[in-house]
Amino acid sequence: MLDQDDDDLRIVLGVIFGVIALVIGLVIGLGVHVTHKPKAPVAMVVEEVFAEIEPQGDALVKVYFAVGEATLSPEALETLNQVKTALAEKEGAIVLLSGFHDETGGAAVNAEVSKNRAKAVKEALVGAGVSADKVLLRKPAVTLGGESPEEARRVDIRVQMH
């Protein structure tokens, strides 16, 4: 009878230890799974390179923006057809964009706004069918431009020879 009780006790202890081992394994496995979870692909950040090209002549089109904004207005989007037409008429020409800002805000913020305005125009041109390699951004020597604040918040678009 004692042998029977010892065997039953061993079976119960074996089951308890088995369950404990299973729980420990599960906790360790979940911990490893969470810490080694594959990361989502990181979007590549491509820094826009400014072209060292001197602007030729007057701007074909000037795109104006609201204070601190880099979003094109519907009117501005309509003027992009002029750029496409001029580019098609000049074999080997490029589109040169220069962004400007007014005096409001700090220098670093204004420089970023100017760049973002030019990038927004580039994206709109590419979206309208202009080849991305034909659209170059120029870092203007002076980003403060125009006689009035409204005139200063703009991107000049030139179609010119490279």
N, C-alpha and C. Protein backbone atom coordinates (compact mmCIF):
# COMPACT_ATOMS: atom_id res chain seq x y z
N MET A 1 0.81 -1.17 0.00
CA MET A 1 0.00 0.00 0.00
C MET A 1 0.87 1.26 0.00
N LEU A 2 1.96 1.25 0.72
CA LEU A 2 2.86 2.39 0.72
C LEU A 2 3.50 2.58 -0.63
N ASP A 3 3.79 1.51 -1.30
CA ASP A 3 4.36 1.62 -2.64
C ASP A 3 3.37 2.28 -3.60
N GLN A 4 2.12 1.96 -3.43
CA GLN A 4 1.06 2.55 -4.27
C GLN A 4 0.99 4.06 -4.03
N ASP A 5 1.04 4.50 -2.75
CA ASP A 5 0.97 5.92 -2.42
C ASP A 5 2.20 6.65 -2.93
N ASP A 6 3.38 6.03 -2.82
CA ASP A 6 4.62 6.65 -3.32
C ASP A 6 4.56 6.82 -4.83
N ASP A 7 4.03 5.84 -5.52
CA ASP A 7 3.91 5.94 -6.97
C ASP A 7 2.93 7.05 -7.36
N ASP A 8 1.82 7.15 -6.64
CA ASP A 8 0.84 8.21 -6.93
C ASP A 8 1.44 9.59 -6.66
N LEU A 9 2.21 9.70 -5.58
CA LEU A 9 2.85 10.97 -5.24
C LEU A 9 3.88 11.36 -6.30
N ARG A 10 4.63 10.39 -6.77
CA ARG A 10 5.62 10.65 -7.81
C ARG A 10 4.93 11.12 -9.10
N ILE A 11 3.82 10.52 -9.44
CA ILE A 11 3.10 10.91 -10.65
C ILE A 11 2.58 12.35 -10.50
N VAL A 12 2.00 12.67 -9.35
CA VAL A 12 1.48 14.02 -9.12
C VAL A 12 2.61 15.03 -9.16
N LEU A 13 3.73 14.75 -8.50
CA LEU A 13 4.88 15.66 -8.50
C LEU A 13 5.46 15.80 -9.91
N GLY A 14 5.49 14.73 -10.66
CA GLY A 14 5.99 14.78 -12.04
C GLY A 14 5.12 15.67 -12.90
N VAL A 15 3.80 15.55 -12.74
CA VAL A 15 2.88 16.40 -13.50
C VAL A 15 3.06 17.85 -13.10
N ILE A 16 3.18 18.14 -11.81
CA ILE A 16 3.36 19.52 -11.32
C ILE A 16 4.66 20.10 -11.87
N PHE A 17 5.76 19.35 -11.79
CA PHE A 17 7.04 19.84 -12.31
C PHE A 17 6.98 20.02 -13.84
N GLY A 18 6.27 19.16 -14.51
CA GLY A 18 6.11 19.28 -15.96
C GLY A 18 5.36 20.55 -16.34
N VAL A 19 4.27 20.83 -15.58
CA VAL A 19 3.51 22.05 -15.84
C VAL A 19 4.36 23.28 -15.56
N ILE A 20 5.12 23.25 -14.47
CA ILE A 20 6.00 24.38 -14.14
C ILE A 20 7.05 24.58 -15.24
N ALA A 21 7.64 23.50 -15.71
CA ALA A 21 8.64 23.60 -16.79
C ALA A 21 8.00 24.14 -18.06
N LEU A 22 6.79 23.72 -18.35
CA LEU A 22 6.07 24.21 -19.52
C LEU A 22 5.80 25.71 -19.42
N VAL A 23 5.37 26.18 -18.26
CA VAL A 23 5.10 27.61 -18.05
C VAL A 23 6.40 28.41 -18.18
N ILE A 24 7.48 27.94 -17.60
CA ILE A 24 8.77 28.64 -17.69
C ILE A 24 9.22 28.71 -19.15
N GLY A 25 9.10 27.61 -19.86
CA GLY A 25 9.48 27.59 -21.27
C GLY A 25 8.65 28.55 -22.10
N LEU A 26 7.36 28.60 -21.80
CA LEU A 26 6.48 29.51 -22.51
C LEU A 26 6.86 30.97 -22.26
N VAL A 27 7.14 31.32 -21.02
CA VAL A 27 7.54 32.69 -20.68
C VAL A 27 8.85 33.05 -21.37
N ILE A 28 9.82 32.16 -21.34
CA ILE A 28 11.11 32.43 -21.99
C ILE A 28 10.91 32.55 -23.50
N GLY A 29 10.12 31.67 -24.07
CA GLY A 29 9.87 31.71 -25.51
C GLY A 29 9.20 33.00 -25.94
N LEU A 30 8.21 33.46 -25.19
CA LEU A 30 7.55 34.73 -25.52
C LEU A 30 8.51 35.91 -25.39
N GLY A 31 9.36 35.85 -24.37
CA GLY A 31 10.34 36.93 -24.20
C GLY A 31 11.31 37.00 -25.36
N VAL A 32 11.77 35.86 -25.83
CA VAL A 32 12.68 35.82 -26.97
C VAL A 32 11.96 36.28 -28.23
N HIS A 33 10.72 35.86 -28.38
CA HIS A 33 9.95 36.23 -29.58
C HIS A 33 9.73 37.74 -29.63
N VAL A 34 9.41 38.35 -28.52
CA VAL A 34 9.14 39.79 -28.49
C VAL A 34 10.42 40.58 -28.74
N THR A 35 11.53 40.18 -28.15
CA THR A 35 12.76 40.94 -28.32
C THR A 35 13.41 40.71 -29.68
N HIS A 36 13.10 39.62 -30.36
CA HIS A 36 13.69 39.34 -31.66
C HIS A 36 12.66 39.43 -32.79
N LYS A 37 11.59 40.16 -32.54
CA LYS A 37 10.56 40.34 -33.55
C LYS A 37 11.17 41.11 -34.72
N PRO A 38 10.94 40.65 -35.94
CA PRO A 38 11.51 41.39 -37.08
C PRO A 38 10.93 42.80 -37.14
N LYS A 39 11.81 43.73 -37.38
CA LYS A 39 11.40 45.12 -37.42
C LYS A 39 10.83 45.43 -38.80
N ALA A 40 9.89 46.37 -38.81
CA ALA A 40 9.31 46.81 -40.07
C ALA A 40 10.39 47.53 -40.87
N PRO A 41 10.31 47.45 -42.17
CA PRO A 41 11.32 48.15 -42.97
C PRO A 41 11.31 49.64 -42.67
N VAL A 42 12.47 50.19 -42.57
CA VAL A 42 12.61 51.61 -42.27
C VAL A 42 12.58 52.37 -43.59
N ALA A 43 11.76 53.39 -43.65
CA ALA A 43 11.69 54.20 -44.86
C ALA A 43 13.01 54.93 -45.03
N MET A 44 13.53 54.88 -46.23
CA MET A 44 14.79 55.55 -46.50
C MET A 44 14.55 57.04 -46.56
N VAL A 45 15.37 57.78 -45.85
CA VAL A 45 15.29 59.22 -45.89
C VAL A 45 16.35 59.70 -46.87
N VAL A 46 15.90 60.30 -47.93
CA VAL A 46 16.82 60.79 -48.94
C VAL A 46 16.90 62.30 -48.80
N GLU A 47 18.07 62.76 -48.49
CA GLU A 47 18.27 64.20 -48.36
C GLU A 47 18.35 64.80 -49.77
N GLU A 48 17.57 65.81 -50.00
CA GLU A 48 17.54 66.45 -51.31
C GLU A 48 18.86 67.18 -51.51
N VAL A 49 19.46 66.97 -52.66
CA VAL A 49 20.73 67.60 -52.98
C VAL A 49 20.43 68.86 -53.79
N PHE A 50 21.07 69.94 -53.41
CA PHE A 50 20.89 71.20 -54.12
C PHE A 50 21.87 71.28 -55.27
N ALA A 51 21.39 71.76 -56.40
CA ALA A 51 22.22 71.92 -57.58
C ALA A 51 22.98 73.25 -57.50
N GLU A 52 24.19 73.23 -57.93
CA GLU A 52 25.01 74.44 -57.97
C GLU A 52 24.92 75.04 -59.37
N ILE A 53 23.74 75.49 -59.72
CA ILE A 53 23.49 76.05 -61.05
C ILE A 53 22.97 77.47 -60.87
N GLU A 54 23.54 78.37 -61.64
CA GLU A 54 23.08 79.75 -61.60
C GLU A 54 21.77 79.87 -62.38
N PRO A 55 20.81 80.59 -61.83
CA PRO A 55 19.56 80.78 -62.57
C PRO A 55 19.79 81.67 -63.79
N GLN A 56 19.09 81.33 -64.87
CA GLN A 56 19.19 82.10 -66.12
C GLN A 56 17.86 82.81 -66.36
N GLY A 57 17.91 84.11 -66.49
CA GLY A 57 16.72 84.88 -66.80
C GLY A 57 15.74 84.96 -65.65
N ASP A 58 14.57 85.49 -65.96
CA ASP A 58 13.50 85.62 -64.96
C ASP A 58 12.79 84.29 -64.77
N ALA A 59 12.13 84.17 -63.65
CA ALA A 59 11.35 82.97 -63.37
C ALA A 59 10.19 82.89 -64.35
N LEU A 60 9.95 81.70 -64.88
CA LEU A 60 8.80 81.47 -65.76
C LEU A 60 7.51 81.56 -64.96
N VAL A 61 7.54 80.93 -63.77
CA VAL A 61 6.37 80.89 -62.89
C VAL A 61 6.85 81.12 -61.47
N LYS A 62 6.04 81.82 -60.70
CA LYS A 62 6.28 81.97 -59.26
C LYS A 62 5.09 81.35 -58.54
N VAL A 63 5.40 80.45 -57.62
CA VAL A 63 4.35 79.79 -56.84
C VAL A 63 4.40 80.38 -55.44
N TYR A 64 3.26 80.90 -54.98
CA TYR A 64 3.19 81.58 -53.69
C TYR A 64 2.57 80.69 -52.62
N PHE A 65 2.99 80.92 -51.37
CA PHE A 65 2.56 80.10 -50.24
C PHE A 65 2.09 80.98 -49.09
N ALA A 66 1.28 80.37 -48.21
CA ALA A 66 0.85 81.04 -46.98
C ALA A 66 2.00 81.01 -45.97
N VAL A 67 1.89 81.79 -44.92
CA VAL A 67 2.91 81.86 -43.88
C VAL A 67 3.16 80.48 -43.29
N GLY A 68 4.42 80.05 -43.30
CA GLY A 68 4.82 78.78 -42.70
C GLY A 68 4.33 77.54 -43.42
N GLU A 69 3.73 77.70 -44.59
CA GLU A 69 3.15 76.57 -45.32
C GLU A 69 4.02 76.15 -46.49
N ALA A 70 3.89 74.88 -46.87
CA ALA A 70 4.58 74.35 -48.05
C ALA A 70 3.60 73.56 -48.91
N THR A 71 2.31 73.89 -48.80
CA THR A 71 1.28 73.21 -49.57
C THR A 71 0.87 74.09 -50.74
N LEU A 72 0.83 73.50 -51.92
CA LEU A 72 0.46 74.26 -53.12
C LEU A 72 -1.04 74.49 -53.16
N SER A 73 -1.39 75.68 -53.58
CA SER A 73 -2.81 76.01 -53.75
C SER A 73 -3.30 75.42 -55.07
N PRO A 74 -4.60 75.29 -55.25
CA PRO A 74 -5.13 74.80 -56.54
C PRO A 74 -4.70 75.70 -57.71
N GLU A 75 -4.63 77.00 -57.48
CA GLU A 75 -4.19 77.92 -58.53
C GLU A 75 -2.74 77.64 -58.92
N ALA A 76 -1.90 77.36 -57.93
CA ALA A 76 -0.50 77.06 -58.21
C ALA A 76 -0.37 75.79 -59.03
N LEU A 77 -1.17 74.79 -58.72
CA LEU A 77 -1.12 73.53 -59.46
C LEU A 77 -1.48 73.75 -60.93
N GLU A 78 -2.39 74.68 -61.20
CA GLU A 78 -2.78 74.96 -62.59
C GLU A 78 -1.64 75.59 -63.38
N THR A 79 -0.78 76.36 -62.73
CA THR A 79 0.32 77.02 -63.44
C THR A 79 1.42 76.05 -63.86
N LEU A 80 1.42 74.85 -63.30
CA LEU A 80 2.48 73.89 -63.61
C LEU A 80 2.41 73.42 -65.06
N ASN A 81 1.26 73.55 -65.70
CA ASN A 81 1.16 73.18 -67.11
C ASN A 81 2.05 74.08 -67.98
N GLN A 82 2.21 75.34 -67.57
CA GLN A 82 3.11 76.25 -68.28
C GLN A 82 4.54 75.70 -68.26
N VAL A 83 4.92 75.14 -67.13
CA VAL A 83 6.27 74.60 -66.97
C VAL A 83 6.44 73.38 -67.87
N LYS A 84 5.45 72.50 -67.88
CA LYS A 84 5.53 71.30 -68.73
C LYS A 84 5.64 71.69 -70.21
N THR A 85 4.88 72.68 -70.62
CA THR A 85 4.90 73.13 -72.02
C THR A 85 6.26 73.71 -72.37
N ALA A 86 6.78 74.58 -71.52
CA ALA A 86 8.08 75.21 -71.77
C ALA A 86 9.19 74.18 -71.80
N LEU A 87 9.12 73.19 -70.94
CA LEU A 87 10.14 72.14 -70.91
C LEU A 87 10.09 71.30 -72.18
N ALA A 88 8.90 71.02 -72.66
CA ALA A 88 8.75 70.23 -73.89
C ALA A 88 9.28 70.99 -75.10
N GLU A 89 9.22 72.33 -75.07
CA GLU A 89 9.67 73.15 -76.20
C GLU A 89 11.19 73.31 -76.25
N LYS A 90 11.88 73.07 -75.13
CA LYS A 90 13.34 73.26 -75.08
C LYS A 90 14.02 71.91 -74.91
N GLU A 91 14.61 71.42 -75.97
CA GLU A 91 15.34 70.15 -75.93
C GLU A 91 16.53 70.27 -74.97
N GLY A 92 16.64 69.35 -74.02
CA GLY A 92 17.77 69.33 -73.08
C GLY A 92 17.65 70.30 -71.92
N ALA A 93 16.50 70.95 -71.77
CA ALA A 93 16.32 71.92 -70.69
C ALA A 93 16.01 71.20 -69.38
N ILE A 94 16.19 71.93 -68.29
CA ILE A 94 15.87 71.45 -66.95
C ILE A 94 14.94 72.46 -66.28
N VAL A 95 14.33 72.03 -65.19
CA VAL A 95 13.52 72.93 -64.38
C VAL A 95 14.34 73.23 -63.13
N LEU A 96 14.56 74.50 -62.85
CA LEU A 96 15.34 74.91 -61.69
C LEU A 96 14.41 75.60 -60.70
N LEU A 97 14.37 75.08 -59.47
CA LEU A 97 13.49 75.61 -58.42
C LEU A 97 14.30 76.30 -57.35
N SER A 98 13.84 77.47 -56.92
CA SER A 98 14.47 78.20 -55.81
C SER A 98 13.38 78.61 -54.84
N GLY A 99 13.51 78.18 -53.59
CA GLY A 99 12.53 78.51 -52.56
C GLY A 99 12.95 79.73 -51.77
N PHE A 100 11.95 80.53 -51.39
CA PHE A 100 12.19 81.74 -50.61
C PHE A 100 11.25 81.80 -49.42
N HIS A 101 11.53 82.71 -48.48
CA HIS A 101 10.68 82.90 -47.30
C HIS A 101 10.66 84.37 -46.92
N ASP A 102 9.74 84.70 -46.03
CA ASP A 102 9.68 86.09 -45.54
C ASP A 102 10.49 86.19 -44.24
N GLU A 103 10.35 87.32 -43.55
CA GLU A 103 11.16 87.57 -42.35
C GLU A 103 10.58 86.96 -41.07
N THR A 104 9.38 86.40 -41.13
CA THR A 104 8.79 85.82 -39.92
C THR A 104 9.47 84.50 -39.59
N GLY A 105 9.67 84.23 -38.30
CA GLY A 105 10.26 82.96 -37.87
C GLY A 105 11.77 83.02 -37.78
N GLY A 106 12.34 81.96 -37.21
CA GLY A 106 13.78 81.87 -37.04
C GLY A 106 14.47 81.42 -38.32
N ALA A 107 15.77 81.63 -38.37
CA ALA A 107 16.56 81.34 -39.58
C ALA A 107 16.49 79.86 -39.95
N ALA A 108 16.64 78.98 -38.97
CA ALA A 108 16.63 77.54 -39.26
C ALA A 108 15.26 77.08 -39.77
N VAL A 109 14.21 77.57 -39.14
CA VAL A 109 12.85 77.22 -39.55
C VAL A 109 12.58 77.76 -40.95
N ASN A 110 12.99 78.99 -41.21
CA ASN A 110 12.77 79.59 -42.52
C ASN A 110 13.51 78.83 -43.62
N ALA A 111 14.73 78.43 -43.35
CA ALA A 111 15.50 77.67 -44.34
C ALA A 111 14.79 76.35 -44.65
N GLU A 112 14.27 75.71 -43.64
CA GLU A 112 13.55 74.44 -43.83
C GLU A 112 12.25 74.67 -44.60
N VAL A 113 11.54 75.73 -44.29
CA VAL A 113 10.30 76.05 -45.00
C VAL A 113 10.59 76.31 -46.47
N SER A 114 11.65 77.07 -46.76
CA SER A 114 12.02 77.34 -48.15
C SER A 114 12.30 76.05 -48.90
N LYS A 115 13.06 75.18 -48.27
CA LYS A 115 13.40 73.89 -48.89
C LYS A 115 12.14 73.04 -49.10
N ASN A 116 11.28 73.00 -48.10
CA ASN A 116 10.05 72.20 -48.22
C ASN A 116 9.12 72.74 -49.30
N ARG A 117 9.10 74.05 -49.48
CA ARG A 117 8.29 74.63 -50.54
C ARG A 117 8.81 74.18 -51.91
N ALA A 118 10.12 74.25 -52.09
CA ALA A 118 10.71 73.82 -53.36
C ALA A 118 10.47 72.32 -53.59
N LYS A 119 10.59 71.53 -52.53
CA LYS A 119 10.34 70.09 -52.66
C LYS A 119 8.88 69.81 -53.00
N ALA A 120 7.97 70.58 -52.45
CA ALA A 120 6.54 70.40 -52.75
C ALA A 120 6.27 70.71 -54.22
N VAL A 121 6.91 71.75 -54.75
CA VAL A 121 6.75 72.07 -56.16
C VAL A 121 7.34 70.96 -57.03
N LYS A 122 8.49 70.45 -56.62
CA LYS A 122 9.10 69.35 -57.38
C LYS A 122 8.17 68.14 -57.40
N GLU A 123 7.63 67.77 -56.25
CA GLU A 123 6.71 66.62 -56.18
C GLU A 123 5.49 66.84 -57.07
N ALA A 124 4.98 68.07 -57.08
CA ALA A 124 3.81 68.37 -57.93
C ALA A 124 4.18 68.27 -59.40
N LEU A 125 5.35 68.75 -59.78
CA LEU A 125 5.79 68.65 -61.17
C LEU A 125 5.97 67.19 -61.59
N VAL A 126 6.60 66.42 -60.74
CA VAL A 126 6.80 65.00 -61.03
C VAL A 126 5.44 64.30 -61.11
N GLY A 127 4.53 64.66 -60.21
CA GLY A 127 3.18 64.09 -60.25
C GLY A 127 2.42 64.48 -61.50
N ALA A 128 2.79 65.62 -62.10
CA ALA A 128 2.15 66.08 -63.32
C ALA A 128 2.80 65.50 -64.57
N GLY A 129 3.84 64.69 -64.38
CA GLY A 129 4.45 64.02 -65.52
C GLY A 129 5.83 64.50 -65.92
N VAL A 130 6.41 65.44 -65.19
CA VAL A 130 7.76 65.89 -65.50
C VAL A 130 8.74 64.89 -64.89
N SER A 131 9.75 64.50 -65.65
CA SER A 131 10.75 63.54 -65.17
C SER A 131 11.50 64.12 -63.97
N ALA A 132 11.62 63.33 -62.91
CA ALA A 132 12.26 63.81 -61.68
C ALA A 132 13.70 64.24 -61.90
N ASP A 133 14.41 63.60 -62.83
CA ASP A 133 15.81 63.98 -63.06
C ASP A 133 15.94 65.30 -63.82
N LYS A 134 14.83 65.84 -64.30
CA LYS A 134 14.83 67.14 -64.99
C LYS A 134 14.54 68.29 -64.04
N VAL A 135 14.15 67.97 -62.79
CA VAL A 135 13.78 69.01 -61.83
C VAL A 135 14.87 69.11 -60.76
N LEU A 136 15.53 70.25 -60.71
CA LEU A 136 16.63 70.45 -59.77
C LEU A 136 16.27 71.55 -58.77
N LEU A 137 16.72 71.36 -57.55
CA LEU A 137 16.52 72.36 -56.50
C LEU A 137 17.80 73.15 -56.34
N ARG A 138 17.65 74.44 -56.25
CA ARG A 138 18.80 75.32 -56.06
C ARG A 138 18.68 75.96 -54.69
N LYS A 139 19.77 75.92 -53.96
CA LYS A 139 19.79 76.62 -52.68
C LYS A 139 20.10 78.07 -53.00
N PRO A 140 19.12 78.93 -52.82
CA PRO A 140 19.37 80.33 -53.19
C PRO A 140 20.40 80.98 -52.27
N ALA A 141 21.14 81.90 -52.84
CA ALA A 141 22.15 82.63 -52.06
C ALA A 141 21.48 83.41 -50.95
N VAL A 142 20.30 83.95 -51.25
CA VAL A 142 19.51 84.68 -50.26
C VAL A 142 18.12 84.06 -50.27
N THR A 143 17.70 83.51 -49.14
CA THR A 143 16.38 82.90 -49.11
C THR A 143 15.30 83.91 -48.78
N LEU A 144 15.71 85.08 -48.33
CA LEU A 144 14.76 86.16 -48.04
C LEU A 144 14.52 86.87 -49.36
N GLY A 145 13.30 86.85 -49.86
CA GLY A 145 13.11 87.41 -51.19
C GLY A 145 11.83 88.19 -51.31
N GLY A 146 11.90 89.30 -52.04
CA GLY A 146 10.70 90.05 -52.35
C GLY A 146 10.58 91.33 -51.57
N GLU A 147 9.75 92.20 -52.13
CA GLU A 147 9.52 93.49 -51.49
C GLU A 147 8.49 93.40 -50.39
N SER A 148 7.56 92.48 -50.53
CA SER A 148 6.52 92.32 -49.51
C SER A 148 6.61 90.90 -48.95
N PRO A 149 6.05 90.68 -47.76
CA PRO A 149 6.08 89.32 -47.20
C PRO A 149 5.38 88.30 -48.09
N GLU A 150 4.30 88.70 -48.75
CA GLU A 150 3.58 87.79 -49.64
C GLU A 150 4.46 87.39 -50.82
N GLU A 151 5.18 88.35 -51.38
CA GLU A 151 6.07 88.09 -52.52
C GLU A 151 7.25 87.20 -52.08
N ALA A 152 7.66 87.32 -50.84
CA ALA A 152 8.81 86.57 -50.35
C ALA A 152 8.52 85.09 -50.17
N ARG A 153 7.29 84.74 -49.87
CA ARG A 153 6.93 83.34 -49.62
C ARG A 153 6.61 82.65 -50.95
N ARG A 154 7.67 82.26 -51.66
CA ARG A 154 7.45 81.74 -53.00
C ARG A 154 8.53 80.73 -53.40
N VAL A 155 8.26 80.09 -54.53
CA VAL A 155 9.25 79.28 -55.22
C VAL A 155 9.31 79.79 -56.65
N ASP A 156 10.51 80.15 -57.10
CA ASP A 156 10.70 80.55 -58.48
C ASP A 156 10.97 79.31 -59.31
N ILE A 157 10.29 79.21 -60.45
CA ILE A 157 10.47 78.08 -61.35
C ILE A 157 11.03 78.61 -62.67
N ARG A 158 12.19 78.10 -63.04
CA ARG A 158 12.82 78.47 -64.31
C ARG A 158 12.97 77.22 -65.17
N VAL A 159 12.73 77.37 -66.45
CA VAL A 159 13.05 76.32 -67.42
C VAL A 159 14.23 76.86 -68.19
N GLN A 160 15.37 76.20 -68.05
CA GLN A 160 16.59 76.71 -68.63
C GLN A 160 17.51 75.59 -69.05
N MET A 161 18.52 75.95 -69.78
CA MET A 161 19.51 74.96 -70.21
C MET A 161 20.44 74.66 -69.04
N HIS A 162 20.87 73.45 -68.97
CA HIS A 162 21.72 72.97 -67.88
C HIS A 162 23.07 73.57 -68.04
